[in-house]
């Protein structure tokens, strides 16, 4: 059956030949460039920095000491956004590739919450529990901060405070209710790749394209069928309005509707979709879903699908503090020349087009993201 489905796809679309423009040797050398990204060594860190400089035009300017901010927790408020950039080890390598395909200059996110006693907590999708599972959790600030300081991936971390006008309508109770309702749910692997893929051809940095994505899905399904079901099968079924189809069934159904597979990939994710293990939110869509519940996106609450947002899309939202004079004194913004608070890291963080786009209906549902400029049309 699987071969029949793939044969039918070939009949309709022809055979895809993946050329190696650099030849076999050049391709192998490119792979050698990628493998060190995952090394938890100085060599691995330098490889990540070099990759991001070469492919994204990133700069890594050394910060003056201290690299750790002397944070006053009293200055942290509910809804303040945490942007993280890891630059070595397993997560450093993964984040580097994620940054490359999405255009984000951060690779992970979390959000602050303050309780009625004034204690600060961090809510996070992607928190690693004692079993090594990536889940949604709410942990005390001190515990989260201690883990960040000990993190071998050498994270750079920025705190992005909300704008006073946004904070004034931030429904803290609704934010807490949402966060608590999500605790223990798994990280949003179901829809992780679909926040990135919005267009048929303008989200794939060469040599990637939709045909290669499909080929990888097909091969991975053979090797790890359960993993494949978690990563994309359920999400593709949602787009077709079907249930329980494996990849070959999805291909057949897509073809029967006169639709190409790359068109299927671009159908926007819907926030109300519930997967077999509950709502599926990545690190950033978890935060933005909380923002939705808290009223941040009003009057566009019902017309924005936050599961379509990448980390870049999130920090470009014009919802953050835009007056450096109102930032806490411990931000070191003059030394860092940043409009936000960098609280950890030896390199100055940069978030291009930070705090620049007002929310609008159907935001980020059809946006290209091609390196090195990642040019974004207005209202895409």
Protein backbone atom coordinates (compact mmCIF):
# COMPACT_ATOMS: atom_id res chain seq x y z
CA UNK A 1 0.00 0.00 0.00
CA UNK A 2 2.79 2.43 0.91
CA UNK A 3 4.57 1.79 -2.37
CA UNK A 4 1.28 2.22 -4.27
CA UNK A 5 0.63 5.57 -2.64
CA UNK A 6 4.12 6.79 -3.43
CA UNK A 7 3.88 5.44 -6.98
CA UNK A 8 0.67 7.39 -7.50
CA UNK A 9 2.36 10.53 -6.19
CA UNK A 10 5.23 10.00 -8.66
CA UNK A 11 2.71 9.53 -11.51
CA UNK A 12 1.09 12.86 -10.67
CA UNK A 13 4.21 14.89 -9.90
CA UNK A 14 7.11 13.04 -11.47
CA UNK A 15 10.39 11.95 -9.90
CA UNK A 16 12.24 14.44 -7.72
CA UNK A 17 15.98 14.44 -8.21
CA UNK A 18 17.95 16.08 -5.41
CA UNK A 19 21.04 17.61 -6.95
CA UNK A 20 24.17 18.28 -4.95
CA UNK A 21 25.43 21.56 -6.44
CA UNK A 22 28.70 21.28 -4.53
CA UNK A 23 29.30 17.72 -5.65
CA UNK A 24 29.75 14.75 -3.35
CA UNK A 25 32.85 16.15 -1.67
CA UNK A 26 31.30 19.57 -1.11
CA UNK A 27 28.16 18.00 0.30
CA UNK A 28 30.17 15.89 2.71
CA UNK A 29 32.11 18.98 3.78
CA UNK A 30 28.78 20.75 4.40
CA UNK A 31 27.71 17.89 6.63
CA UNK A 32 30.99 18.23 8.47
CA UNK A 33 30.05 21.90 9.06
CA UNK A 34 26.73 20.82 10.64
CA UNK A 35 27.88 17.97 12.88
CA UNK A 36 30.02 20.12 15.22
CA UNK A 37 26.98 22.27 16.00
CA UNK A 38 25.86 19.59 18.47
CA UNK A 39 29.19 19.33 20.26
CA UNK A 40 29.13 20.58 23.86
CA UNK A 41 32.65 22.01 23.56
CA UNK A 42 34.33 25.28 22.68
CA UNK A 43 34.70 23.85 19.16
CA UNK A 44 30.93 23.28 19.06
CA UNK A 45 30.22 26.80 20.27
CA UNK A 46 32.53 28.36 17.70
CA UNK A 47 30.88 26.24 15.00
CA UNK A 48 27.42 27.53 15.97
CA UNK A 49 28.59 31.13 15.97
CA UNK A 50 30.30 30.70 12.60
CA UNK A 51 27.23 29.03 11.08
CA UNK A 52 24.90 31.83 12.22
CA UNK A 53 27.32 34.52 11.06
CA UNK A 54 27.66 32.90 7.64
CA UNK A 55 24.04 31.95 6.96
CA UNK A 56 22.08 34.63 8.84
CA UNK A 57 24.44 37.57 9.06
CA UNK A 58 24.38 37.38 12.86
CA UNK A 59 27.02 39.17 14.88
CA UNK A 60 28.39 38.09 18.23
CA UNK A 61 29.79 41.08 20.02
CA UNK A 62 31.36 40.28 23.36
CA UNK A 63 29.62 42.00 26.26
CA UNK A 64 31.44 43.78 29.01
CA UNK A 65 31.27 42.16 32.42
CA UNK A 66 29.18 41.35 34.35
CA UNK A 67 27.54 38.79 32.06
CA UNK A 68 24.97 38.00 34.75
CA UNK A 69 22.50 40.75 35.65
CA UNK A 70 21.85 41.61 39.28
CA UNK A 71 18.11 41.06 38.90
CA UNK A 72 15.56 42.59 41.25
CA UNK A 73 12.60 40.23 41.14
CA UNK A 74 10.35 43.10 42.20
CA UNK A 75 10.84 44.58 38.72
CA UNK A 76 9.64 41.43 36.92
CA UNK A 77 5.93 41.35 36.10
CA UNK A 78 3.43 38.81 34.81
CA UNK A 79 3.63 38.46 31.05
CA UNK A 80 7.27 39.50 30.72
CA UNK A 81 8.80 37.45 27.90
CA UNK A 82 12.06 35.51 28.16
CA UNK A 83 14.04 34.94 24.94
CA UNK A 84 16.87 32.40 25.08
CA UNK A 85 19.66 31.59 22.65
CA UNK A 86 21.74 28.47 23.30
CA UNK A 87 24.99 28.18 21.39
CA UNK A 88 26.55 24.80 22.13
CA UNK A 89 25.62 21.17 22.79
CA UNK A 90 22.52 19.27 21.70
CA UNK A 91 20.12 22.17 22.17
CA UNK A 92 22.57 24.69 20.80
CA UNK A 93 22.84 22.75 17.54
CA UNK A 94 19.10 22.23 17.27
CA UNK A 95 18.40 25.90 17.94
CA UNK A 96 20.97 27.01 15.36
CA UNK A 97 19.19 25.04 12.64
CA UNK A 98 15.81 26.31 13.85
CA UNK A 99 17.09 29.89 13.69
CA UNK A 100 18.39 29.33 10.18
CA UNK A 101 15.08 28.08 8.75
CA UNK A 102 12.81 30.54 10.61
CA UNK A 103 14.94 33.69 10.76
CA UNK A 104 14.67 33.90 14.56
CA UNK A 105 17.66 35.20 16.50
CA UNK A 106 16.54 33.28 19.59
CA UNK A 107 15.86 29.57 19.88
CA UNK A 108 13.70 29.12 22.98
CA UNK A 109 11.25 31.13 25.07
CA UNK A 110 9.56 31.21 28.46
CA UNK A 111 7.28 33.65 30.29
CA UNK A 112 7.13 35.18 33.78
CA UNK A 113 4.15 35.05 36.12
CA UNK A 114 3.77 36.75 39.49
CA UNK A 115 1.42 35.33 42.11
CA UNK A 116 -0.71 37.10 44.70
CA UNK A 117 2.16 36.95 47.21
CA UNK A 118 4.49 38.72 44.79
CA UNK A 119 6.56 35.61 44.08
CA UNK A 120 7.86 35.23 40.52
CA UNK A 121 7.42 32.01 38.53
CA UNK A 122 8.49 30.92 35.07
CA UNK A 123 6.05 29.07 32.79
CA UNK A 124 7.69 27.13 29.98
CA UNK A 125 6.83 24.67 27.25
CA UNK A 126 9.93 22.52 26.82
CA UNK A 127 10.90 22.15 30.47
CA UNK A 128 12.80 18.88 30.92
CA UNK A 129 11.37 16.83 33.79
CA UNK A 130 13.10 14.10 35.82
CA UNK A 131 12.20 11.49 33.17
CA UNK A 132 13.87 13.54 30.44
CA UNK A 133 10.51 14.45 28.90
CA UNK A 134 9.88 17.89 27.44
CA UNK A 135 6.71 19.17 29.09
CA UNK A 136 4.90 22.35 30.11
CA UNK A 137 5.78 23.40 33.66
CA UNK A 138 5.58 26.33 36.05
CA UNK A 139 8.63 26.60 38.30
CA UNK A 140 9.79 29.20 40.86
CA UNK A 141 12.02 31.90 39.39
CA UNK A 142 14.93 31.02 41.67
CA UNK A 143 14.88 27.39 40.55
CA UNK A 144 14.62 28.32 36.86
CA UNK A 145 17.38 30.93 37.14
CA UNK A 146 19.71 28.51 38.92
CA UNK A 147 19.24 25.98 36.11
CA UNK A 148 19.94 28.70 33.53
CA UNK A 149 23.18 29.65 35.26
CA UNK A 150 24.30 26.00 35.28
CA UNK A 151 23.19 25.27 31.71
CA UNK A 152 26.11 23.84 29.73
CA UNK A 153 24.66 25.13 26.44
CA UNK A 154 25.89 28.63 27.42
CA UNK A 155 22.53 30.40 27.03
CA UNK A 156 22.16 34.08 26.25
CA UNK A 157 18.92 35.29 27.87
CA UNK A 158 16.90 38.48 27.44
CA UNK A 159 13.91 39.71 29.42
CA UNK A 160 11.37 41.56 27.26
CA UNK A 161 9.00 43.54 29.51
CA UNK A 162 5.50 44.24 28.26
CA UNK A 163 4.53 47.80 27.34
CA UNK A 164 2.59 49.62 30.09
CA UNK A 165 -0.48 49.92 27.84
CA UNK A 166 -0.43 46.16 27.22
CA UNK A 167 0.25 45.44 30.88
CA UNK A 168 -2.75 47.54 31.91
CA UNK A 169 -5.10 45.18 30.09
CA UNK A 170 -3.16 41.98 30.85
CA UNK A 171 -5.60 39.70 32.70
CA UNK A 172 -3.23 38.08 35.18
CA UNK A 173 -5.89 35.73 36.56
CA UNK A 174 -6.74 34.44 33.07
CA UNK A 175 -3.03 33.98 32.32
CA UNK A 176 -2.55 31.90 35.46
CA UNK A 177 -5.65 29.82 34.72
CA UNK A 178 -4.41 29.01 31.24
CA UNK A 179 -0.88 28.18 32.40
CA UNK A 180 -2.15 25.86 35.14
CA UNK A 181 -4.50 24.13 32.68
CA UNK A 182 -1.51 23.25 30.49
CA UNK A 183 0.89 22.00 33.17
CA UNK A 184 2.15 18.48 32.47
CA UNK A 185 1.14 18.46 28.80
CA UNK A 186 3.92 17.55 26.35
CA UNK A 187 5.84 20.09 24.29
CA UNK A 188 4.09 20.89 21.00
CA UNK A 189 5.91 18.54 18.68
CA UNK A 190 2.68 17.95 16.71
CA UNK A 191 2.70 21.39 15.13
CA UNK A 192 6.31 22.49 15.58
CA UNK A 193 7.24 22.54 11.88
CA UNK A 194 3.98 24.10 10.73
CA UNK A 195 4.61 27.49 12.33
CA UNK A 196 7.63 27.66 10.02
CA UNK A 197 6.01 26.48 6.76
CA UNK A 198 3.57 29.14 5.51
CA UNK A 199 4.27 29.19 1.77
CA UNK A 200 4.85 26.64 -0.99
CA UNK A 201 8.38 27.74 -1.82
CA UNK A 202 9.50 30.70 0.28
CA UNK A 203 10.20 29.09 3.66
CA UNK A 204 12.84 26.56 2.60
CA UNK A 205 16.45 27.75 2.63
CA UNK A 206 18.38 25.96 -0.14
CA UNK A 207 18.84 23.07 -0.53
CA UNK A 208 15.60 22.35 1.36
CA UNK A 209 12.22 22.24 -0.39
CA UNK A 210 8.81 20.63 0.10
CA UNK A 211 9.81 17.55 -1.90
CA UNK A 212 12.78 16.96 0.38
CA UNK A 213 10.55 17.45 3.43
CA UNK A 214 8.18 14.81 2.10
CA UNK A 215 11.05 12.43 1.33
CA UNK A 216 12.42 12.83 4.85
CA UNK A 217 8.94 12.24 6.29
CA UNK A 218 8.58 9.07 4.23
CA UNK A 219 11.98 7.70 5.26
CA UNK A 220 11.49 8.64 8.90
CA UNK A 221 8.08 6.98 8.95
CA UNK A 222 9.73 3.70 7.98
CA UNK A 223 12.41 4.06 10.64
CA UNK A 224 10.39 5.56 13.50
CA UNK A 225 6.63 5.26 12.82
CA UNK A 226 5.56 6.36 16.30
CA UNK A 227 7.84 9.40 16.16
CA UNK A 228 6.47 10.28 12.72
CA UNK A 229 2.89 10.05 13.97
CA UNK A 230 3.72 12.46 16.78
CA UNK A 231 5.67 14.93 14.65
CA UNK A 232 3.41 15.33 11.61
CA UNK A 233 0.77 12.65 10.94
CA UNK A 234 -1.79 13.99 13.40
CA UNK A 235 -1.24 17.55 12.22
CA UNK A 236 -1.63 16.55 8.55
CA UNK A 237 -4.83 14.69 9.42
CA UNK A 238 -6.13 17.87 11.07
CA UNK A 239 -5.52 19.76 7.84
CA UNK A 240 -7.48 17.19 5.86
CA UNK A 241 -10.26 16.83 8.42
CA UNK A 242 -9.46 13.11 8.71
CA UNK A 243 -8.43 10.88 11.58
CA UNK A 244 -5.93 8.06 11.91
CA UNK A 245 -4.42 8.18 8.41
CA UNK A 246 -0.75 7.27 8.25
CA UNK A 247 1.55 9.08 5.84
CA UNK A 248 0.67 6.89 2.88
CA UNK A 249 -3.04 7.40 3.57
CA UNK A 250 -2.47 11.13 3.84
CA UNK A 251 -0.71 11.14 0.45
CA UNK A 252 -3.61 9.24 -1.17
CA UNK A 253 -6.23 11.52 0.40
CA UNK A 254 -4.33 14.64 -0.61
CA UNK A 255 -4.07 13.48 -4.21
CA UNK A 256 -7.77 12.51 -4.32
CA UNK A 257 -8.63 16.12 -3.49
CA UNK A 258 -6.50 17.50 -6.30
CA UNK A 259 -4.11 19.04 -3.82
CA UNK A 260 -0.32 18.87 -3.80
CA UNK A 261 1.58 17.86 -0.68
CA UNK A 262 3.29 21.23 -0.46
CA UNK A 263 -0.14 22.91 -0.47
CA UNK A 264 -1.18 20.67 2.40
CA UNK A 265 1.85 21.76 4.44
CA UNK A 266 0.86 25.43 4.14
CA UNK A 267 -2.68 25.11 5.58
CA UNK A 268 -2.61 27.24 8.76
CA UNK A 269 -2.64 25.56 12.15
CA UNK A 270 -5.74 26.30 14.23
CA UNK A 271 -5.42 27.06 17.93
CA UNK A 272 -8.57 25.11 18.79
CA UNK A 273 -7.24 21.82 17.40
CA UNK A 274 -6.88 19.20 20.12
CA UNK A 275 -4.44 16.35 19.56
CA UNK A 276 -4.41 12.86 21.08
CA UNK A 277 -2.48 14.17 24.09
CA UNK A 278 -4.29 17.51 24.35
CA UNK A 279 -3.58 21.01 23.07
CA UNK A 280 -0.20 21.19 21.35
CA UNK A 281 1.93 24.27 21.97
CA UNK A 282 5.60 24.91 21.31
CA UNK A 283 7.59 27.14 23.65
CA UNK A 284 6.44 30.31 21.89
CA UNK A 285 2.86 29.37 21.02
CA UNK A 286 2.30 28.44 24.67
CA UNK A 287 3.22 31.99 25.68
CA UNK A 288 1.17 33.59 22.93
CA UNK A 289 -1.82 31.39 23.75
CA UNK A 290 -1.53 32.70 27.32
CA UNK A 291 -1.36 36.24 25.93
CA UNK A 292 -4.52 35.50 23.97
CA UNK A 293 -6.33 34.42 27.11
CA UNK A 294 -5.01 37.47 28.96
CA UNK A 295 -6.37 39.91 26.35
CA UNK A 296 -3.08 41.00 24.78
CA UNK A 297 -4.33 40.53 21.21
CA UNK A 298 -7.66 42.34 21.61
CA UNK A 299 -9.51 43.18 19.38
CA UNK A 300 -7.98 40.44 17.18
CA UNK A 301 -8.19 37.62 19.72
CA UNK A 302 -10.46 35.42 17.62
CA UNK A 303 -8.74 36.09 14.30
CA UNK A 304 -5.13 35.28 15.26
CA UNK A 305 -3.80 31.72 15.34
CA UNK A 306 -0.80 31.85 17.65
CA UNK A 307 0.29 28.33 16.68
CA UNK A 308 1.31 29.93 13.36
CA UNK A 309 3.90 32.15 15.09
CA UNK A 310 7.63 31.47 15.20
CA UNK A 311 9.89 32.96 17.88
CA UNK A 312 10.81 35.70 15.43
CA UNK A 313 7.14 36.51 14.88
CA UNK A 314 6.68 36.79 18.65
CA UNK A 315 9.49 39.22 19.43
CA UNK A 316 8.54 41.38 16.44
CA UNK A 317 5.11 42.01 17.99
CA UNK A 318 4.70 45.64 19.02
CA UNK A 319 3.64 44.82 22.57
CA UNK A 320 6.89 45.35 24.49
CA UNK A 321 8.35 48.30 26.35
CA UNK A 322 9.65 50.93 23.92
CA UNK A 323 11.05 53.48 26.37
CA UNK A 324 14.50 52.56 27.67
CA UNK A 325 14.08 55.05 30.51
CA UNK A 326 11.36 52.83 31.97
CA UNK A 327 13.51 49.70 31.93
CA UNK A 328 15.04 48.60 35.26
CA UNK A 329 18.44 50.10 36.06
CA UNK A 330 20.05 46.64 36.17
CA UNK A 331 19.31 46.06 32.47
CA UNK A 332 22.66 47.56 31.38
CA UNK A 333 20.90 48.78 28.23
CA UNK A 334 23.42 51.58 27.64
CA UNK A 335 26.33 49.14 27.55
CA UNK A 336 24.39 46.57 25.52
CA UNK A 337 22.72 49.14 23.25
CA UNK A 338 19.56 47.05 23.38
CA UNK A 339 15.91 48.07 23.86
CA UNK A 340 15.38 45.13 26.23
CA UNK A 341 17.07 43.62 29.28
CA UNK A 342 19.78 41.09 28.59
CA UNK A 343 20.12 39.21 31.86
CA UNK A 344 22.68 36.55 30.92
CA UNK A 345 25.29 35.82 28.31
CA UNK A 346 28.78 36.67 27.10
CA UNK A 347 27.52 37.89 23.69
CA UNK A 348 25.18 40.78 23.01
CA UNK A 349 21.81 39.50 21.87
CA UNK A 350 20.24 40.99 18.76
CA UNK A 351 16.56 40.66 17.85
CA UNK A 352 16.15 42.30 14.41
CA UNK A 353 12.87 44.22 13.94
CA UNK A 354 12.11 43.81 17.63
CA UNK A 355 8.83 45.33 18.84
CA UNK A 356 7.86 46.64 15.40
CA UNK A 357 4.60 45.09 14.15
CA UNK A 358 1.13 45.79 15.53
CA UNK A 359 -1.10 42.69 15.76
CA UNK A 360 -3.64 42.21 12.95
CA UNK A 361 -6.15 39.57 11.81
CA UNK A 362 -4.72 36.35 10.30
CA UNK A 363 -1.25 37.45 11.32
CA UNK A 364 1.73 35.33 10.15
CA UNK A 365 -0.33 32.82 8.18
CA UNK A 366 1.41 33.40 4.84
CA UNK A 367 4.89 34.76 5.52
CA UNK A 368 8.12 33.88 3.67
CA UNK A 369 11.34 33.37 5.62
CA UNK A 370 14.27 33.02 3.27
CA UNK A 371 17.83 33.72 4.44
CA UNK A 372 19.87 35.76 4.70
CA UNK A 373 17.48 38.77 4.89
CA UNK A 374 14.25 36.95 5.88
CA UNK A 375 12.33 39.76 4.22
CA UNK A 376 8.74 39.83 5.43
CA UNK A 377 5.94 41.56 3.46
CA UNK A 378 3.56 43.69 5.49
CA UNK A 379 0.44 41.93 6.80
CA UNK A 380 1.47 38.49 5.53
